[in-house]
C-alpha atoms as a PDB file:
ATOM      1  CA  MET A   1      32.875  -7.738 120.039  1.00  0.00           C
ATOM      2  CA  SER A   2      32.519  -9.218 116.637  1.00  0.00           C
ATOM      3  CA  ASP A   3      30.219  -6.419 115.643  1.00  0.00           C
ATOM      4  CA  PHE A   4      33.003  -3.910 116.386  1.00  0.00           C
ATOM      5  CA  ASP A   5      35.576  -5.879 114.233  1.00  0.00           C
ATOM      6  CA  SER A   6      33.513  -5.793 111.039  1.00  0.00           C
ATOM      7  CA  ASN A   7      33.823  -2.924 108.628  1.00  0.00           C
ATOM      8  CA  PRO A   8      30.676  -0.886 108.677  1.00  0.00           C
ATOM      9  CA  PHE A   9      31.426   0.540 105.190  1.00  0.00           C
ATOM     10  CA  ALA A  10      31.868  -2.836 103.394  1.00  0.00           C
ATOM     11  CA  ASP A  11      29.189  -4.347 101.158  1.00  0.00           C
ATOM     12  CA  PRO A  12      26.828  -6.447 103.184  1.00  0.00           C
ATOM     13  CA  GLU A  13      27.051 -10.191 102.577  1.00  0.00           C
ATOM     14  CA  LEU A  14      23.703 -11.573 101.517  1.00  0.00           C
ATOM     15  CA  ASP A  15      22.819 -15.208 101.696  1.00  0.00           C
ATOM     16  CA  HIS A  16      22.059 -16.342  98.090  1.00  0.00           C
ATOM     17  CA  PRO A  17      20.360 -19.678  97.799  1.00  0.00           C
ATOM     18  CA  PHE A  18      22.091 -20.485  94.452  1.00  0.00           C
ATOM     19  CA  GLN A  19      25.516 -19.250  95.497  1.00  0.00           C
ATOM     20  CA  MET A  20      28.232 -21.893  95.430  1.00  0.00           C
ATOM     21  CA  PRO A  21      29.961 -22.636  98.675  1.00  0.00           C
ATOM     22  CA  PRO A  22      33.442 -21.159  98.965  1.00  0.00           C
ATOM     23  CA  GLY A  23      36.241 -23.387  97.687  1.00  0.00           C
ATOM     24  CA  MET A  24      34.059 -25.277  95.199  1.00  0.00           C
ATOM     25  CA  ALA A  25      34.400 -24.591  91.447  1.00  0.00           C
ATOM     26  CA  PRO A  26      31.531 -25.243  89.029  1.00  0.00           C
ATOM     27  CA  LYS A  27      31.778 -28.448  87.064  1.00  0.00           C
ATOM     28  CA  ALA A  28      32.161 -28.089  83.290  1.00  0.00           C
ATOM     29  CA  ALA A  29      29.549 -29.778  81.160  1.00  0.00           C
ATOM     30  CA  ALA A  30      30.710 -32.916  79.419  1.00  0.00           C
ATOM     31  CA  PRO A  31      31.191 -32.428  75.659  1.00  0.00           C
ATOM     32  CA  SER A  32      28.464 -33.938  73.509  1.00  0.00           C
ATOM     33  CA  ALA A  33      29.357 -36.858  71.294  1.00  0.00           C
ATOM     34  CA  ASN A  34      27.579 -35.260  68.286  1.00  0.00           C
ATOM     35  CA  THR A  35      29.264 -31.932  67.560  1.00  0.00           C
ATOM     36  CA  GLN A  36      27.480 -31.243  64.224  1.00  0.00           C
ATOM     37  CA  PRO A  37      25.266 -28.174  64.069  1.00  0.00           C
ATOM     38  CA  ALA A  38      21.562 -28.678  64.162  1.00  0.00           C
ATOM     39  CA  ILE A  39      19.907 -28.603  60.731  1.00  0.00           C
ATOM     40  CA  MET A  40      16.204 -28.207  60.212  1.00  0.00           C
ATOM     41  CA  LYS A  41      14.842 -30.540  57.615  1.00  0.00           C
ATOM     42  CA  PRO A  42      12.290 -29.127  55.176  1.00  0.00           C
ATOM     43  CA  THR A  43       8.791 -30.426  55.388  1.00  0.00           C
ATOM     44  CA  GLU A  44       8.809 -31.375  51.649  1.00  0.00           C
ATOM     45  CA  GLU A  45      11.661 -32.923  49.723  1.00  0.00           C
ATOM     46  CA  PRO A  46      12.645 -31.132  46.413  1.00  0.00           C
ATOM     47  CA  PRO A  47      11.653 -33.030  43.248  1.00  0.00           C
ATOM     48  CA  ALA A  48      14.329 -35.263  41.855  1.00  0.00           C
ATOM     49  CA  TYR A  49      15.915 -34.359  38.478  1.00  0.00           C
ATOM     50  CA  THR A  50      14.415 -36.680  35.893  1.00  0.00           C
ATOM     51  CA  GLN A  51      14.570 -37.129  32.126  1.00  0.00           C
ATOM     52  CA  SER A  52      11.170 -35.500  31.717  1.00  0.00           C
ATOM     53  CA  CYS A  53      12.481 -32.299  33.316  1.00  0.00           C
ATOM     54  CA  ALA A  54      15.371 -32.254  30.870  1.00  0.00           C
ATOM     55  CA  GLN A  55      12.980 -32.740  27.960  1.00  0.00           C
ATOM     56  CA  GLU A  56      10.761 -29.901  29.187  1.00  0.00           C
ATOM     57  CA  GLN A  57      13.752 -27.585  29.457  1.00  0.00           C
ATOM     58  CA  SER A  58      14.999 -28.516  25.984  1.00  0.00           C
ATOM     59  CA  GLY A  59      11.481 -28.053  24.593  1.00  0.00           C
ATOM     60  CA  ALA A  60      11.238 -24.602  26.162  1.00  0.00           C
ATOM     61  CA  ALA A  61      14.631 -23.660  24.715  1.00  0.00           C
ATOM     62  CA  ALA A  62      13.593 -24.907  21.260  1.00  0.00           C
ATOM     63  CA  GLU A  63      10.368 -22.892  21.488  1.00  0.00           C
ATOM     64  CA  LEU A  64      12.326 -19.750  22.337  1.00  0.00           C
ATOM     65  CA  LEU A  65      14.656 -20.335  19.390  1.00  0.00           C
ATOM     66  CA  ARG A  66      11.698 -20.886  17.082  1.00  0.00           C
ATOM     67  CA  ARG A  67      10.065 -17.636  18.208  1.00  0.00           C
ATOM     68  CA  GLN A  68      13.338 -15.788  17.785  1.00  0.00           C
ATOM     69  CA  GLU A  69      13.740 -17.121  14.235  1.00  0.00           C
ATOM     70  CA  GLU A  70      10.150 -16.169  13.454  1.00  0.00           C
ATOM     71  CA  LEU A  71      10.741 -12.634  14.700  1.00  0.00           C
ATOM     72  CA  GLU A  72      13.906 -12.413  12.620  1.00  0.00           C
ATOM     73  CA  ARG A  73      12.019 -13.577   9.523  1.00  0.00           C
ATOM     74  CA  LYS A  74       9.307 -11.008  10.114  1.00  0.00           C
ATOM     75  CA  ALA A  75      11.908  -8.285  10.570  1.00  0.00           C
ATOM     76  CA  ALA A  76      13.605  -9.344   7.334  1.00  0.00           C
ATOM     77  CA  GLU A  77      10.236  -9.380   5.575  1.00  0.00           C
ATOM     78  CA  LEU A  78       9.454  -5.860   6.772  1.00  0.00           C
ATOM     79  CA  ASP A  79      12.883  -4.694   5.673  1.00  0.00           C
ATOM     80  CA  ARG A  80      12.340  -6.276   2.255  1.00  0.00           C
ATOM     81  CA  ARG A  81       8.957  -4.582   1.883  1.00  0.00           C
ATOM     82  CA  GLU A  82      10.455  -1.261   2.865  1.00  0.00           C
ATOM     83  CA  ARG A  83      13.253  -1.614   0.332  1.00  0.00           C
ATOM     84  CA  GLU A  84      10.740  -2.561  -2.334  1.00  0.00           C
ATOM     85  CA  MET A  85       8.621   0.500  -1.614  1.00  0.00           C
ATOM     86  CA  GLN A  86      11.689   2.714  -1.701  1.00  0.00           C
ATOM     87  CA  SER A  87      12.833   1.262  -5.012  1.00  0.00           C
ATOM     88  CA  LEU A  88       9.364   1.645  -6.506  1.00  0.00           C
ATOM     89  CA  SER A  89       9.080   5.249  -5.360  1.00  0.00           C
ATOM     90  CA  ALA A  90      12.540   6.038  -6.701  1.00  0.00           C
ATOM     91  CA  SER A  91      12.025   4.439 -10.100  1.00  0.00           C
ATOM     92  CA  GLY A  92       8.407   5.437 -10.525  1.00  0.00           C
ATOM     93  CA  GLY A  93       7.212   1.829 -11.003  1.00  0.00           C
ATOM     94  CA  ARG A  94       8.412  -1.699 -11.654  1.00  0.00           C
ATOM     95  CA  ASN A  95      10.011  -2.217 -15.022  1.00  0.00           C
ATOM     96  CA  ASN A  96      10.311  -5.640 -16.611  1.00  0.00           C
ATOM     97  CA  ASN A  97      13.810  -7.045 -16.256  1.00  0.00           C
ATOM     98  CA  TRP A  98      13.558 -10.628 -17.540  1.00  0.00           C
ATOM     99  CA  PRO A  99      14.895 -11.941 -19.814  1.00  0.00           C
ATOM    100  CA  PRO A 100      17.906  -9.644 -19.541  1.00  0.00           C
ATOM    101  CA  LEU A 101      18.240  -8.387 -23.100  1.00  0.00           C
ATOM    102  CA  PRO A 102      20.453  -5.624 -24.509  1.00  0.00           C
ATOM    103  CA  GLU A 103      18.924  -2.170 -24.681  1.00  0.00           C
ATOM    104  CA  LYS A 104      19.254  -2.032 -28.463  1.00  0.00           C
ATOM    105  CA  PHE A 105      17.523  -5.376 -28.881  1.00  0.00           C
ATOM    106  CA  PRO A 106      14.252  -5.012 -30.835  1.00  0.00           C
ATOM    107  CA  VAL A 107      12.293  -6.939 -28.190  1.00  0.00           C
ATOM    108  CA  GLY A 108      12.371  -5.857 -24.547  1.00  0.00           C
ATOM    109  CA  PRO A 109      12.040  -7.884 -21.320  1.00  0.00           C
ATOM    110  CA  CYS A 110       8.643  -9.502 -20.763  1.00  0.00           C
ATOM    111  CA  PHE A 111       8.522 -10.088 -16.994  1.00  0.00           C
ATOM    112  CA  TYR A 112       9.639  -8.588 -13.713  1.00  0.00           C
ATOM    113  CA  HIS A 113      11.729 -11.172 -11.884  1.00  0.00           C
ATOM    114  CA  ASP A 114      13.379 -10.482  -8.528  1.00  0.00           C
ATOM    115  CA  ILE A 115      13.161 -13.279  -5.956  1.00  0.00           C
ATOM    116  CA  ALA A 116      14.737 -11.201  -3.180  1.00  0.00           C
ATOM    117  CA  VAL A 117      12.053  -8.532  -3.551  1.00  0.00           C
ATOM    118  CA  ASP A 118       8.901 -10.434  -4.515  1.00  0.00           C
ATOM    119  CA  ILE A 119       9.160 -13.709  -2.578  1.00  0.00           C
ATOM    120  CA  PRO A 120       8.921 -13.959   1.239  1.00  0.00           C
ATOM    121  CA  VAL A 121      12.106 -15.002   2.992  1.00  0.00           C
ATOM    122  CA  GLU A 122      10.917 -18.467   4.016  1.00  0.00           C
ATOM    123  CA  PHE A 123      10.073 -19.369   0.378  1.00  0.00           C
ATOM    124  CA  GLN A 124      13.020 -17.798  -1.433  1.00  0.00           C
ATOM    125  CA  LYS A 125      15.204 -20.917  -1.304  1.00  0.00           C
ATOM    126  CA  THR A 126      12.489 -23.086  -2.850  1.00  0.00           C
ATOM    127  CA  VAL A 127      11.790 -20.592  -5.639  1.00  0.00           C
ATOM    128  CA  LYS A 128      15.510 -20.305  -6.392  1.00  0.00           C
ATOM    129  CA  ILE A 129      15.812 -24.093  -6.637  1.00  0.00           C
ATOM    130  CA  MET A 130      12.877 -24.192  -9.054  1.00  0.00           C
ATOM    131  CA  TYR A 131      14.479 -21.438 -11.127  1.00  0.00           C
ATOM    132  CA  TYR A 132      17.739 -23.401 -11.261  1.00  0.00           C
ATOM    133  CA  LEU A 133      15.733 -26.498 -12.178  1.00  0.00           C
ATOM    134  CA  TRP A 134      14.231 -24.603 -15.105  1.00  0.00           C
ATOM    135  CA  MET A 135      17.756 -23.617 -16.210  1.00  0.00           C
ATOM    136  CA  PHE A 136      18.803 -27.265 -15.896  1.00  0.00           C
ATOM    137  CA  HIS A 137      15.770 -28.185 -18.008  1.00  0.00           C
ATOM    138  CA  THR A 138      16.891 -25.737 -20.700  1.00  0.00           C
ATOM    139  CA  GLY A 139      20.463 -27.028 -20.661  1.00  0.00           C
ATOM    140  CA  THR A 140      19.282 -30.627 -20.928  1.00  0.00           C
ATOM    141  CA  LEU A 141      17.139 -29.833 -23.977  1.00  0.00           C
ATOM    142  CA  LEU A 142      20.120 -28.115 -25.582  1.00  0.00           C
ATOM    143  CA  ALA A 143      22.323 -31.140 -24.876  1.00  0.00           C
ATOM    144  CA  ASN A 144      19.590 -33.377 -26.266  1.00  0.00           C
ATOM    145  CA  MET A 145      19.607 -31.388 -29.502  1.00  0.00           C
ATOM    146  CA  VAL A 146      23.391 -31.817 -29.758  1.00  0.00           C
ATOM    147  CA  GLY A 147      23.077 -35.555 -29.079  1.00  0.00           C
ATOM    148  CA  CYS A 148      20.398 -35.991 -31.742  1.00  0.00           C
ATOM    149  CA  LEU A 149      22.551 -34.048 -34.202  1.00  0.00           C
ATOM    150  CA  ALA A 150      25.475 -36.371 -33.502  1.00  0.00           C
ATOM    151  CA  TRP A 151      23.177 -39.372 -33.939  1.00  0.00           C
ATOM    152  CA  PHE A 152      21.971 -37.938 -37.259  1.00  0.00           C
ATOM    153  CA  CYS A 153      25.595 -37.556 -38.371  1.00  0.00           C
ATOM    154  CA  VAL A 154      26.333 -41.263 -37.859  1.00  0.00           C
ATOM    155  CA  ASP A 155      22.909 -42.491 -38.985  1.00  0.00           C
ATOM    156  CA  ALA A 156      21.219 -40.531 -41.784  1.00  0.00           C
ATOM    157  CA  SER A 157      17.833 -42.055 -40.992  1.00  0.00           C
ATOM    158  CA  ARG A 158      17.616 -40.127 -37.709  1.00  0.00           C
ATOM    159  CA  GLY A 159      16.732 -36.771 -39.220  1.00  0.00           C
ATOM    160  CA  VAL A 160      13.301 -36.890 -37.592  1.00  0.00           C
ATOM    161  CA  ASP A 161      14.852 -37.127 -34.124  1.00  0.00           C
ATOM    162  CA  PHE A 162      17.101 -34.156 -34.807  1.00  0.00           C
ATOM    163  CA  GLY A 163      14.205 -32.064 -36.117  1.00  0.00           C
ATOM    164  CA  LEU A 164      12.000 -32.917 -33.142  1.00  0.00           C
ATOM    165  CA  SER A 165      14.823 -32.171 -30.706  1.00  0.00           C
ATOM    166  CA  MET A 166      15.084 -28.649 -32.122  1.00  0.00           C
ATOM    167  CA  LEU A 167      11.311 -28.263 -31.832  1.00  0.00           C
ATOM    168  CA  TRP A 168      11.327 -29.441 -28.196  1.00  0.00           C
ATOM    169  CA  PHE A 169      14.115 -26.997 -27.355  1.00  0.00           C
ATOM    170  CA  MET A 170      12.369 -24.007 -28.942  1.00  0.00           C
ATOM    171  CA  LEU A 171       8.944 -24.967 -27.584  1.00  0.00           C
ATOM    172  CA  PHE A 172       9.522 -26.391 -24.095  1.00  0.00           C
ATOM    173  CA  THR A 173      12.061 -23.775 -22.967  1.00  0.00           C
ATOM    174  CA  PRO A 174       9.701 -20.753 -22.962  1.00  0.00           C
ATOM    175  CA  CYS A 175       6.600 -22.846 -22.235  1.00  0.00           C
ATOM    176  CA  ALA A 176       8.163 -24.304 -19.095  1.00  0.00           C
ATOM    177  CA  PHE A 177       9.010 -20.831 -17.815  1.00  0.00           C
ATOM    178  CA  VAL A 178       5.567 -19.407 -18.560  1.00  0.00           C
ATOM    179  CA  CYS A 179       3.391 -22.413 -17.748  1.00  0.00           C
ATOM    180  CA  TRP A 180       4.862 -23.746 -14.492  1.00  0.00           C
ATOM    181  CA  TYR A 181       7.633 -21.491 -13.183  1.00  0.00           C
ATOM    182  CA  ARG A 182       5.731 -18.205 -13.423  1.00  0.00           C
ATOM    183  CA  PRO A 183       2.607 -19.652 -11.736  1.00  0.00           C
ATOM    184  CA  LEU A 184       4.811 -20.936  -8.920  1.00  0.00           C
ATOM    185  CA  TYR A 185       6.543 -17.564  -8.644  1.00  0.00           C
ATOM    186  CA  GLY A 186       3.211 -15.750  -8.507  1.00  0.00           C
ATOM    187  CA  ALA A 187       1.736 -18.266  -6.059  1.00  0.00           C
ATOM    188  CA  PHE A 188       4.472 -17.674  -3.489  1.00  0.00           C
ATOM    189  CA  ARG A 189       4.496 -13.939  -4.160  1.00  0.00           C
ATOM    190  CA  SER A 190       0.783 -13.333  -3.599  1.00  0.00           C
ATOM    191  CA  ASP A 191      -0.246 -16.568  -1.800  1.00  0.00           C
ATOM    192  CA  SER A 192      -2.586 -17.451  -4.662  1.00  0.00           C
ATOM    193  CA  SER A 193      -4.438 -20.778  -4.436  1.00  0.00           C
ATOM    194  CA  PHE A 194      -5.402 -20.668  -8.122  1.00  0.00           C
ATOM    195  CA  ARG A 195      -1.782 -20.305  -9.212  1.00  0.00           C
ATOM    196  CA  PHE A 196      -0.759 -23.173  -6.968  1.00  0.00           C
ATOM    197  CA  PHE A 197      -3.292 -25.425  -8.674  1.00  0.00           C
ATOM    198  CA  ALA A 198      -2.182 -24.212 -12.099  1.00  0.00           C
ATOM    199  CA  PHE A 199       1.400 -25.072 -11.207  1.00  0.00           C
ATOM    200  CA  PHE A 200       0.494 -28.551  -9.930  1.00  0.00           C
ATOM    201  CA  PHE A 201      -1.515 -29.393 -13.040  1.00  0.00           C
ATOM    202  CA  VAL A 202       1.140 -28.242 -15.530  1.00  0.00           C
ATOM    203  CA  TYR A 203       4.128 -29.520 -13.578  1.00  0.00           C
ATOM    204  CA  ILE A 204       2.796 -33.060 -13.222  1.00  0.00           C
ATOM    205  CA  CYS A 205       2.434 -33.082 -17.025  1.00  0.00           C
ATOM    206  CA  GLN A 206       6.012 -31.807 -17.264  1.00  0.00           C
ATOM    207  CA  VAL A 207       7.215 -34.684 -15.082  1.00  0.00           C
ATOM    208  CA  GLY A 208       5.453 -37.112 -17.430  1.00  0.00           C
ATOM    209  CA  VAL A 209       7.310 -35.540 -20.379  1.00  0.00           C
ATOM    210  CA  TYR A 210      10.595 -35.971 -18.495  1.00  0.00           C
ATOM    211  CA  VAL A 211       9.855 -39.664 -17.993  1.00  0.00           C
ATOM    212  CA  MET A 212       9.085 -40.146 -21.695  1.00  0.00           C
ATOM    213  CA  GLN A 213      12.274 -38.320 -22.677  1.00  0.00           C
ATOM    214  CA  CYS A 214      14.219 -40.409 -20.186  1.00  0.00           C
ATOM    215  CA  ILE A 215      12.921 -43.604 -21.816  1.00  0.00           C
ATOM    216  CA  GLY A 216      13.975 -42.302 -25.234  1.00  0.00           C
ATOM    217  CA  ILE A 217      11.585 -43.939 -27.686  1.00  0.00           C
ATOM    218  CA  SER A 218      12.979 -43.815 -31.209  1.00  0.00           C
ATOM    219  CA  SER A 219      11.685 -41.091 -33.563  1.00  0.00           C
ATOM    220  CA  TRP A 220      10.507 -38.999 -30.580  1.00  0.00           C
ATOM    221  CA  GLY A 221      13.455 -36.611 -30.626  1.00  0.00           C
ATOM    222  CA  ALA A 222      14.860 -37.609 -27.225  1.00  0.00           C
ATOM    223  CA  SER A 223      18.259 -39.059 -26.390  1.00  0.00           C
ATOM    224  CA  GLY A 224      16.916 -41.465 -23.801  1.00  0.00           C
ATOM    225  CA  TRP A 225      18.095 -44.887 -22.753  1.00  0.00           C
ATOM    226  CA  ILE A 226      16.542 -46.803 -25.665  1.00  0.00           C
ATOM    227  CA  SER A 227      17.924 -44.375 -28.240  1.00  0.00           C
ATOM    228  CA  ALA A 228      21.359 -44.381 -26.587  1.00  0.00           C
ATOM    229  CA  LEU A 229      21.600 -48.185 -26.538  1.00  0.00           C
ATOM    230  CA  THR A 230      20.452 -48.300 -30.165  1.00  0.00           C
ATOM    231  CA  CYS A 231      23.102 -45.745 -31.175  1.00  0.00           C
ATOM    232  CA  LEU A 232      25.868 -47.881 -29.643  1.00  0.00           C
ATOM    233  CA  ASN A 233      25.508 -50.263 -32.608  1.00  0.00           C
ATOM    234  CA  HIS A 234      26.504 -47.449 -34.998  1.00  0.00           C
ATOM    235  CA  SER A 235      28.983 -45.365 -32.991  1.00  0.00           C
ATOM    236  CA  VAL A 236      30.325 -45.976 -29.505  1.00  0.00           C
ATOM    237  CA  PRO A 237      31.359 -42.327 -28.786  1.00  0.00           C
ATOM    238  CA  VAL A 238      27.971 -40.987 -29.868  1.00  0.00           C
ATOM    239  CA  GLY A 239      26.263 -43.743 -27.897  1.00  0.00           C
ATOM    240  CA  ILE A 240      28.199 -42.751 -24.755  1.00  0.00           C
ATOM    241  CA  LEU A 241      27.227 -39.096 -25.314  1.00  0.00           C
ATOM    242  CA  MET A 242      23.580 -40.085 -25.562  1.00  0.00           C
ATOM    243  CA  ILE A 243      23.874 -42.213 -22.407  1.00  0.00           C
ATOM    244  CA  LEU A 244      25.069 -39.109 -20.551  1.00  0.00           C
ATOM    245  CA  ILE A 245      22.100 -37.146 -21.902  1.00  0.00           C
ATOM    246  CA  ALA A 246      19.768 -39.949 -20.817  1.00  0.00           C
ATOM    247  CA  ALA A 247      21.274 -39.686 -17.334  1.00  0.00           C
ATOM    248  CA  LEU A 248      20.488 -35.954 -17.390  1.00  0.00           C
ATOM    249  CA  PHE A 249      16.855 -36.671 -18.269  1.00  0.00           C
ATOM    250  CA  THR A 250      16.702 -39.249 -15.465  1.00  0.00           C
ATOM    251  CA  SER A 251      18.120 -36.889 -12.859  1.00  0.00           C
ATOM    252  CA  GLU A 252      15.774 -34.176 -14.082  1.00  0.00           C
ATOM    253  CA  ALA A 253      12.757 -36.436 -13.603  1.00  0.00           C
ATOM    254  CA  VAL A 254      13.883 -37.455 -10.096  1.00  0.00           C
ATOM    255  CA  LEU A 255      14.589 -33.871  -9.012  1.00  0.00           C
ATOM    256  CA  SER A 256      11.256 -32.740 -10.395  1.00  0.00           C
ATOM    257  CA  LEU A 257       9.387 -35.344  -8.349  1.00  0.00           C
ATOM    258  CA  ILE A 258      11.276 -34.317  -5.204  1.00  0.00           C
ATOM    259  CA  MET A 259      10.511 -30.624  -5.725  1.00  0.00           C
ATOM    260  CA  PHE A 260       6.889 -31.383  -6.576  1.00  0.00           C
ATOM    261  CA  LYS A 261       6.510 -33.113  -3.213  1.00  0.00           C
ATOM    262  CA  LYS A 262       8.303 -30.290  -1.414  1.00  0.00           C
ATOM    263  CA  VAL A 263       6.169 -27.557  -2.994  1.00  0.00           C
ATOM    264  CA  HIS A 264       3.015 -29.527  -2.228  1.00  0.00           C
ATOM    265  CA  GLY A 265       4.062 -29.758   1.436  1.00  0.00           C
ATOM    266  CA  MET A 266       4.658 -26.011   1.563  1.00  0.00           C
ATOM    267  CA  TYR A 267       1.334 -25.405  -0.163  1.00  0.00           C
ATOM    268  CA  ARG A 268      -0.451 -27.271   2.641  1.00  0.00           C
ATOM    269  CA  THR A 269       1.082 -24.924   5.217  1.00  0.00           C
ATOM    270  CA  THR A 270       0.013 -21.715   3.448  1.00  0.00           C
ATOM    271  CA  GLY A 271      -3.712 -22.179   4.034  1.00  0.00           C
ATOM    272  CA  ALA A 272      -4.526 -22.429   0.326  1.00  0.00           C
ATOM    273  CA  SER A 273      -7.477 -24.580  -0.774  1.00  0.00           C
ATOM    274  CA  PHE A 274      -9.529 -25.519  -3.804  1.00  0.00           C
ATOM    275  CA  ALA A 275     -12.404 -23.307  -2.626  1.00  0.00           C
ATOM    276  CA  LYS A 276     -10.077 -20.300  -2.524  1.00  0.00           C
ATOM    277  CA  ALA A 277      -8.814 -21.188  -5.992  1.00  0.00           C
ATOM    278  CA  GLN A 278     -12.378 -21.200  -7.338  1.00  0.00           C
ATOM    279  CA  GLN A 279     -13.089 -17.880  -5.657  1.00  0.00           C
ATOM    280  CA  GLU A 280      -9.910 -16.315  -7.084  1.00  0.00           C
ATOM    281  CA  PHE A 281     -10.742 -17.617 -10.545  1.00  0.00           C
ATOM    282  CA  ALA A 282     -14.276 -16.218 -10.406  1.00  0.00           C
ATOM    283  CA  THR A 283     -13.016 -12.875  -9.118  1.00  0.00           C
ATOM    284  CA  GLY A 284     -10.333 -12.713 -11.794  1.00  0.00           C
ATOM    285  CA  VAL A 285     -12.789 -13.500 -14.556  1.00  0.00           C
ATOM    286  CA  MET A 286     -15.304 -10.926 -13.377  1.00  0.00           C
ATOM    287  CA  THR A 287     -12.669  -8.194 -13.038  1.00  0.00           C
ATOM    288  CA  ASN A 288     -11.011  -8.944 -16.369  1.00  0.00           C
ATOM    289  CA  LYS A 289     -11.520  -6.063 -18.790  1.00  0.00           C
ATOM    290  CA  THR A 290     -11.713  -8.330 -21.823  1.00  0.00           C
ATOM    291  CA  VAL A 291     -14.422 -10.443 -20.217  1.00  0.00           C
ATOM    292  CA  GLN A 292     -16.315  -7.342 -19.131  1.00  0.00           C
ATOM    293  CA  THR A 293     -16.160  -5.906 -22.653  1.00  0.00           C
ATOM    294  CA  ALA A 294     -17.314  -9.177 -24.210  1.00  0.00           C
ATOM    295  CA  ALA A 295     -20.187  -9.477 -21.723  1.00  0.00           C
ATOM    296  CA  ALA A 296     -21.266  -5.886 -22.329  1.00  0.00           C
ATOM    297  CA  THR A 297     -21.161  -6.396 -26.110  1.00  0.00           C
ATOM    298  CA  ALA A 298     -23.208  -9.597 -25.887  1.00  0.00           C
ATOM    299  CA  ALA A 299     -25.772  -7.925 -23.613  1.00  0.00           C
ATOM    300  CA  SER A 300     -26.124  -4.924 -25.923  1.00  0.00           C
ATOM    301  CA  ARG A 301     -26.564  -7.151 -28.982  1.00  0.00           C
ATOM    302  CA  ALA A 302     -29.190  -9.216 -27.176  1.00  0.00           C
ATOM    303  CA  ALA A 303     -31.026  -6.047 -26.147  1.00  0.00           C
ATOM    304  CA  GLN A 304     -30.913  -4.707 -29.688  1.00  0.00           C
ATOM    305  CA  GLY A 305     -32.209  -8.000 -31.076  1.00  0.00           C
ATOM    306  CA  GLY A 306     -35.122  -8.050 -28.623  1.00  0.00           C
ATOM    307  CA  PHE A 307     -35.985  -4.441 -29.418  1.00  0.00           C
ATOM    308  CA  LYS A 308     -36.033  -5.167 -33.172  1.00  0.00           C
ATOM    309  CA  GLU A 309     -38.324  -8.157 -32.641  1.00  0.00           C
ATOM    310  CA  GLN A 310     -40.771  -5.986 -30.722  1.00  0.00           C
ATOM    311  CA  ILE A 311     -40.784  -3.472 -33.557  1.00  0.00           C
END
């Protein structure tokens, strides 16, 4: 009869081996003591940050800054060259502009002098300092002439010093500009090894003259230390003036030695050498028109003499 009580349209009940018995609820899993998420450790540990890494990074940054400055210098150099070409094309050539003399003056300028145009950017500061040093040299010689004049006024036997001081002012002022400043200017302008050597030879002699003027031997026309201390016995104010001039000569000698060392260090970085100086000198002599004319004249005279002897 049980078969007649069951609903024939209901879902058949199937015996499932994993089905829970009726009235029994599934047990919840006990919570784990470690609730942190699982993290996979890398196979290799990252390198620790050390002082060497910091030095490498700072070195790389310094290298980038150096390259950027070099590019900026090259861009400035190209801009300077372009401006120079434009100015030359506009004016039709380079006219001498130094010394700056009035237009109605009977003698015109002798040199073209423009540091911003002729000298590369990295050497302009050095050339300007040397130009200011030449101006300081001129001012010191003028002050020395005034000091020797004052010494001559208080001691009539010092006429020789006053006369020599005027000679040194008139002689050393243009000679210093032509003999050591212009070679230095041309050396940095055209990277000339021969002009560098000419500057070194003349300038070391100039430093020796500064030292002798700083000492101030009597009857040499220099208000140095010996002359200033000697003048104190005749006049204290004039002696103090000469002491100040001796200090100028001393500072001039010290500054000249410093700049000589600096220029020599820059010369070593330009790639100049004694062999290049010899080559430039030989090339300059062979291309000089005066030398060519003299050589041609001597050769023609020798040929004429040999022809006459044969006759």
